[in-house]
N, C-alpha and C. Protein backbone atom coordinates (compact mmCIF):
# COMPACT_ATOMS: atom_id res chain seq x y z
N UNK A 1 113.48 77.66 62.36
CA UNK A 1 112.79 78.93 62.28
C UNK A 1 113.26 79.82 63.43
N UNK A 2 113.59 81.06 63.10
CA UNK A 2 114.07 82.00 64.09
C UNK A 2 112.90 82.82 64.63
N UNK A 3 112.86 82.97 65.94
CA UNK A 3 111.84 83.81 66.56
C UNK A 3 112.45 85.16 66.86
N UNK A 4 111.83 86.20 66.35
CA UNK A 4 112.34 87.55 66.59
C UNK A 4 111.67 88.13 67.82
N UNK A 5 112.46 88.76 68.64
CA UNK A 5 111.93 89.35 69.87
C UNK A 5 111.94 90.86 69.83
N UNK A 6 112.53 91.43 68.80
CA UNK A 6 112.67 92.87 68.73
C UNK A 6 112.62 93.28 67.26
N UNK A 7 111.88 94.33 66.96
CA UNK A 7 111.80 94.80 65.58
C UNK A 7 113.16 95.17 65.01
N UNK A 8 114.10 95.53 65.88
CA UNK A 8 115.44 95.89 65.42
C UNK A 8 116.17 94.67 64.85
N UNK A 9 115.68 93.47 65.13
CA UNK A 9 116.29 92.25 64.61
C UNK A 9 115.98 92.03 63.14
N UNK A 10 115.04 92.79 62.59
CA UNK A 10 114.63 92.61 61.21
C UNK A 10 115.61 93.33 60.28
N UNK A 11 116.14 92.60 59.33
CA UNK A 11 117.02 93.18 58.32
C UNK A 11 116.15 93.49 57.10
N UNK A 12 115.73 94.73 56.97
CA UNK A 12 114.81 95.12 55.90
C UNK A 12 115.39 94.86 54.52
N UNK A 13 116.70 94.92 54.39
CA UNK A 13 117.32 94.69 53.09
C UNK A 13 117.17 93.25 52.63
N UNK A 14 116.89 92.35 53.55
CA UNK A 14 116.74 90.94 53.17
C UNK A 14 115.31 90.61 52.74
N UNK A 15 114.39 91.56 52.86
CA UNK A 15 113.00 91.34 52.47
C UNK A 15 112.84 91.73 51.00
N UNK A 16 112.36 90.81 50.17
CA UNK A 16 112.19 91.12 48.74
C UNK A 16 111.23 92.30 48.53
N UNK A 17 111.51 93.09 47.49
CA UNK A 17 110.67 94.26 47.19
C UNK A 17 109.21 93.88 47.05
N UNK A 18 108.90 92.75 46.43
CA UNK A 18 107.49 92.37 46.24
C UNK A 18 106.80 92.16 47.59
N UNK A 19 107.55 91.67 48.59
CA UNK A 19 106.98 91.49 49.93
C UNK A 19 106.75 92.84 50.59
N UNK A 20 107.69 93.76 50.46
CA UNK A 20 107.55 95.11 51.02
C UNK A 20 106.33 95.79 50.40
N UNK A 21 106.19 95.67 49.08
CA UNK A 21 105.04 96.28 48.40
C UNK A 21 103.73 95.66 48.87
N UNK A 22 103.71 94.36 49.09
CA UNK A 22 102.51 93.69 49.59
C UNK A 22 102.14 94.15 50.99
N UNK A 23 103.16 94.29 51.84
CA UNK A 23 102.93 94.77 53.21
C UNK A 23 102.41 96.20 53.18
N UNK A 24 103.04 97.05 52.35
CA UNK A 24 102.62 98.45 52.25
C UNK A 24 101.18 98.55 51.77
N UNK A 25 100.82 97.75 50.77
CA UNK A 25 99.45 97.78 50.25
C UNK A 25 98.45 97.35 51.33
N UNK A 26 98.79 96.32 52.07
CA UNK A 26 97.90 95.85 53.14
C UNK A 26 97.71 96.92 54.21
N UNK A 27 98.78 97.61 54.57
CA UNK A 27 98.69 98.67 55.57
C UNK A 27 97.82 99.82 55.07
N UNK A 28 98.03 100.22 53.81
CA UNK A 28 97.22 101.31 53.25
C UNK A 28 95.75 100.92 53.14
N UNK A 29 95.48 99.68 52.74
CA UNK A 29 94.09 99.20 52.68
C UNK A 29 93.44 99.22 54.06
N UNK A 30 94.19 98.80 55.07
CA UNK A 30 93.67 98.82 56.43
C UNK A 30 93.39 100.25 56.89
N UNK A 31 94.33 101.14 56.62
CA UNK A 31 94.13 102.55 57.00
C UNK A 31 92.90 103.13 56.31
N UNK A 32 92.71 102.82 55.04
CA UNK A 32 91.53 103.29 54.32
C UNK A 32 90.24 102.78 54.96
N UNK A 33 90.22 101.49 55.32
CA UNK A 33 89.00 100.93 55.90
C UNK A 33 88.73 101.50 57.29
N UNK A 34 89.77 101.75 58.06
CA UNK A 34 89.57 102.35 59.39
C UNK A 34 89.06 103.78 59.25
N UNK A 35 89.68 104.56 58.37
CA UNK A 35 89.28 105.96 58.24
C UNK A 35 87.89 106.10 57.61
N UNK A 36 87.40 105.08 56.94
CA UNK A 36 86.06 105.13 56.35
C UNK A 36 84.97 104.91 57.39
N UNK A 37 85.33 104.46 58.57
CA UNK A 37 84.33 104.24 59.61
C UNK A 37 83.77 105.57 60.10
N UNK A 38 82.49 105.60 60.45
CA UNK A 38 81.88 106.84 60.92
C UNK A 38 82.62 107.41 62.14
N UNK A 39 82.95 108.69 62.05
CA UNK A 39 83.57 109.39 63.16
C UNK A 39 85.09 109.27 63.25
N UNK A 40 85.68 108.40 62.45
CA UNK A 40 87.12 108.20 62.57
C UNK A 40 87.92 109.41 62.08
N UNK A 41 87.49 110.06 61.02
CA UNK A 41 88.22 111.22 60.54
C UNK A 41 88.21 112.33 61.59
N UNK A 42 87.07 112.50 62.25
CA UNK A 42 86.98 113.51 63.30
C UNK A 42 87.90 113.16 64.47
N UNK A 43 87.92 111.88 64.85
CA UNK A 43 88.81 111.44 65.94
C UNK A 43 90.27 111.65 65.56
N UNK A 44 90.61 111.37 64.32
CA UNK A 44 91.97 111.56 63.85
C UNK A 44 92.36 113.05 63.89
N UNK A 45 91.47 113.90 63.40
CA UNK A 45 91.75 115.34 63.39
C UNK A 45 91.92 115.86 64.82
N UNK A 46 91.08 115.39 65.75
CA UNK A 46 91.21 115.80 67.15
C UNK A 46 92.54 115.32 67.74
N UNK A 47 92.93 114.08 67.41
CA UNK A 47 94.21 113.55 67.89
C UNK A 47 95.37 114.37 67.33
N UNK A 48 95.28 114.69 66.03
CA UNK A 48 96.34 115.45 65.38
C UNK A 48 96.47 116.84 66.01
N UNK A 49 95.33 117.47 66.29
CA UNK A 49 95.34 118.79 66.91
C UNK A 49 95.95 118.72 68.31
N UNK A 50 95.55 117.73 69.09
CA UNK A 50 96.07 117.56 70.44
C UNK A 50 97.57 117.27 70.40
N UNK A 51 97.97 116.40 69.52
CA UNK A 51 99.39 116.04 69.41
C UNK A 51 100.21 117.24 68.96
N UNK A 52 99.68 118.03 68.05
CA UNK A 52 100.37 119.22 67.58
C UNK A 52 100.58 120.23 68.70
N UNK A 53 99.59 120.32 69.60
CA UNK A 53 99.71 121.22 70.72
C UNK A 53 100.79 120.74 71.70
N UNK A 54 100.95 119.45 71.80
CA UNK A 54 101.94 118.86 72.71
C UNK A 54 103.31 118.73 72.07
N UNK A 55 103.38 118.73 70.75
CA UNK A 55 104.63 118.52 70.06
C UNK A 55 104.64 119.36 68.79
N UNK A 56 105.10 120.58 68.90
CA UNK A 56 105.04 121.52 67.78
C UNK A 56 105.82 121.03 66.58
N UNK A 57 106.82 120.18 66.77
CA UNK A 57 107.64 119.70 65.66
C UNK A 57 107.01 118.50 64.96
N UNK A 58 105.91 118.00 65.46
CA UNK A 58 105.30 116.80 64.90
C UNK A 58 104.54 117.13 63.63
N UNK A 59 104.82 116.37 62.57
CA UNK A 59 104.04 116.48 61.34
C UNK A 59 103.67 115.09 60.90
N UNK A 60 102.50 114.98 60.30
CA UNK A 60 102.04 113.67 59.82
C UNK A 60 101.74 113.80 58.37
């Protein structure tokens, strides 16, 4: 078993599409559950506004 020490070591082309889709679904499900928490949307909007002021080229 190989231990990876850097994300750059990952060859994304070697990951089967079904695994990528599973990872993407898990990330989206997690994001949905986090944003559903009370106050999180407001915190996100405040972060986005602050980040936009510091980085005009930033879009999310």
